[in-house]
Amino acid sequence: MSLQGFDPQVFDDLLATLGNDVGRVRNVYRKFLDSTSGRLDEIRRQLATVGAGADNAEIAASFHALKGSAWMVGAPRLAAAAGRFQEAAPGLNSETLATAVDELEAEFATFRRELGTYLEGLPPDGR
C-alpha cells in the first residue's frame, strides 16, 4: 500500500510506546481528527478578520499548532503544508489564505482516508 499523507511508522512507534494498546492509540488519532477539524474551522473563521486589517499572527499561530500536531501523528504532508503557510502567513491576503486552507483541508482528507485504510488492516487487538 502506497501511503503519501500518513506515515504508519509513527503509528507503530506510538503503539509500542503505549504498550501495544491499540485502543489508546486509536483514541490519540480520534482526538487529532476532531481537533484538526475544529482547528481548520477556526482558521476559516479567522479569515473573516483578515480583510478588516488584522494582522495574520493569529492565523500563523494556528498553522503552527496544526504543523506540530500533524508531525506528532505522522501526517507529513499536512505538517509540511501547515509549515509553509505559517511562514508565509504574514504576507498573505485573505484570498491566498483561503486557498491555503483549501490545501490543508485536502491534505487532511488524504490523511484521514489513509489512516482509515491502515486501521482497517489492523487486528482488533493490535499487531
Protein backbone atom coordinates (compact mmCIF):
# COMPACT_ATOMS: atom_id res chain seq x y z
CA MET A 1 0.00 0.00 0.00
CA SER A 2 1.40 3.37 -1.03
CA LEU A 3 0.73 5.99 1.60
CA GLN A 4 1.53 9.62 0.92
CA GLY A 5 -0.29 11.52 3.63
CA PHE A 6 0.08 9.09 6.54
CA ASP A 7 3.28 7.62 7.96
CA PRO A 8 2.43 4.24 9.52
CA GLN A 9 5.80 4.11 11.27
CA VAL A 10 4.64 6.93 13.56
CA PHE A 11 1.53 4.90 14.40
CA ASP A 12 3.64 1.81 15.10
CA ASP A 13 6.06 3.81 17.27
CA LEU A 14 3.17 5.27 19.26
CA LEU A 15 1.66 1.81 19.58
CA ALA A 16 4.92 0.49 21.04
CA THR A 17 5.19 3.49 23.37
CA LEU A 18 1.66 2.88 24.66
CA GLY A 19 2.24 -0.78 25.41
CA ASN A 20 0.66 -2.10 22.20
CA ASP A 21 -2.73 -0.80 23.34
CA VAL A 22 -4.49 -0.20 20.03
CA GLY A 23 -7.47 1.37 21.78
CA ARG A 24 -5.30 4.09 23.33
CA VAL A 25 -3.57 4.78 20.02
CA ARG A 26 -6.90 4.94 18.19
CA ASN A 27 -8.03 7.45 20.82
CA VAL A 28 -4.97 9.63 20.13
CA TYR A 29 -5.83 9.65 16.43
CA ARG A 30 -9.53 10.24 17.10
CA LYS A 31 -8.62 13.30 19.18
CA PHE A 32 -6.28 14.54 16.44
CA LEU A 33 -9.00 14.17 13.81
CA ASP A 34 -11.53 16.01 15.97
CA SER A 35 -9.16 18.80 16.97
CA THR A 36 -7.88 19.27 13.43
CA SER A 37 -11.40 19.58 12.06
CA GLY A 38 -12.08 22.22 14.70
CA ARG A 39 -8.78 23.97 14.04
CA LEU A 40 -9.47 24.21 10.30
CA ASP A 41 -12.94 25.60 11.05
CA GLU A 42 -11.36 28.15 13.39
CA ILE A 43 -8.86 29.22 10.72
CA ARG A 44 -11.77 29.74 8.32
CA ARG A 45 -13.41 31.97 10.94
CA GLN A 46 -10.14 33.84 11.45
CA LEU A 47 -10.04 34.61 7.72
CA ALA A 48 -13.01 36.92 8.22
CA THR A 49 -10.77 39.28 10.22
CA VAL A 50 -8.02 39.43 7.59
CA GLY A 51 -9.99 41.81 5.40
CA ALA A 52 -10.60 44.05 8.40
CA GLY A 53 -6.90 44.95 8.60
CA ALA A 54 -5.98 42.46 11.30
CA ASP A 55 -2.50 41.02 11.16
CA ASN A 56 -2.13 37.38 10.34
CA ALA A 57 -0.31 36.43 13.55
CA GLU A 58 -3.30 34.53 14.91
CA ILE A 59 -3.64 32.55 11.69
CA ALA A 60 0.11 31.88 11.63
CA ALA A 61 -0.16 30.56 15.20
CA SER A 62 -2.99 28.25 14.14
CA PHE A 63 -0.87 26.96 11.25
CA HIS A 64 1.99 26.42 13.71
CA ALA A 65 -0.18 24.39 16.09
CA LEU A 66 -1.51 22.31 13.21
CA LYS A 67 2.03 21.69 11.96
CA GLY A 68 3.18 20.37 15.32
CA SER A 69 0.24 18.08 15.93
CA ALA A 70 0.36 16.74 12.37
CA TRP A 71 4.02 15.77 12.77
CA MET A 72 3.20 14.01 16.04
CA VAL A 73 0.67 11.67 14.40
CA GLY A 74 2.51 11.01 11.16
CA ALA A 75 0.80 13.41 8.76
CA PRO A 76 3.93 14.70 6.99
CA ARG A 77 2.25 16.36 4.01
CA LEU A 78 -0.27 18.13 6.23
CA ALA A 79 2.54 19.23 8.56
CA ALA A 80 4.70 20.48 5.68
CA ALA A 81 1.84 22.46 4.17
CA ALA A 82 0.97 24.00 7.53
CA GLY A 83 4.64 24.93 7.99
CA ARG A 84 4.80 26.61 4.58
CA PHE A 85 1.68 28.61 5.32
CA GLN A 86 2.86 29.50 8.81
CA GLU A 87 5.98 31.09 7.33
CA ALA A 88 4.07 32.85 4.56
CA ALA A 89 1.02 33.96 6.58
CA PRO A 90 2.25 37.47 7.44
CA GLY A 91 2.36 38.43 3.76
CA LEU A 92 -0.76 36.66 2.51
CA ASN A 93 -4.11 38.25 1.71
CA SER A 94 -7.45 36.68 2.56
CA GLU A 95 -7.88 35.05 -0.86
CA THR A 96 -4.47 33.41 -0.73
CA LEU A 97 -5.07 32.30 2.86
CA ALA A 98 -8.39 30.76 1.84
CA THR A 99 -6.57 28.82 -0.89
CA ALA A 100 -4.03 27.69 1.72
CA VAL A 101 -6.81 26.39 3.96
CA ASP A 102 -8.30 24.56 0.97
CA GLU A 103 -4.95 22.81 0.50
CA LEU A 104 -4.75 21.96 4.20
CA GLU A 105 -8.25 20.51 4.09
CA ALA A 106 -7.29 18.38 1.07
CA GLU A 107 -4.17 17.09 2.85
CA PHE A 108 -6.24 16.39 5.96
CA ALA A 109 -8.74 14.42 3.87
CA THR A 110 -5.88 12.36 2.41
CA PHE A 111 -4.51 11.69 5.88
CA ARG A 112 -7.93 10.69 7.21
CA ARG A 113 -8.53 8.32 4.29
CA GLU A 114 -5.10 6.69 4.53
CA LEU A 115 -5.32 6.36 8.31
CA GLY A 116 -8.72 4.71 7.95
CA THR A 117 -7.36 2.24 5.42
CA TYR A 118 -4.44 1.44 7.71
CA LEU A 119 -6.68 0.95 10.73
CA GLU A 120 -8.98 -1.37 8.78
CA GLY A 121 -6.00 -3.63 8.18
CA LEU A 122 -5.15 -3.96 11.87
CA PRO A 123 -6.47 -6.78 14.01
CA PRO A 124 -8.72 -5.52 16.82
CA ASP A 125 -6.06 -6.23 19.45
CA GLY A 126 -3.13 -4.67 17.55
CA ARG A 127 -0.13 -6.18 15.83
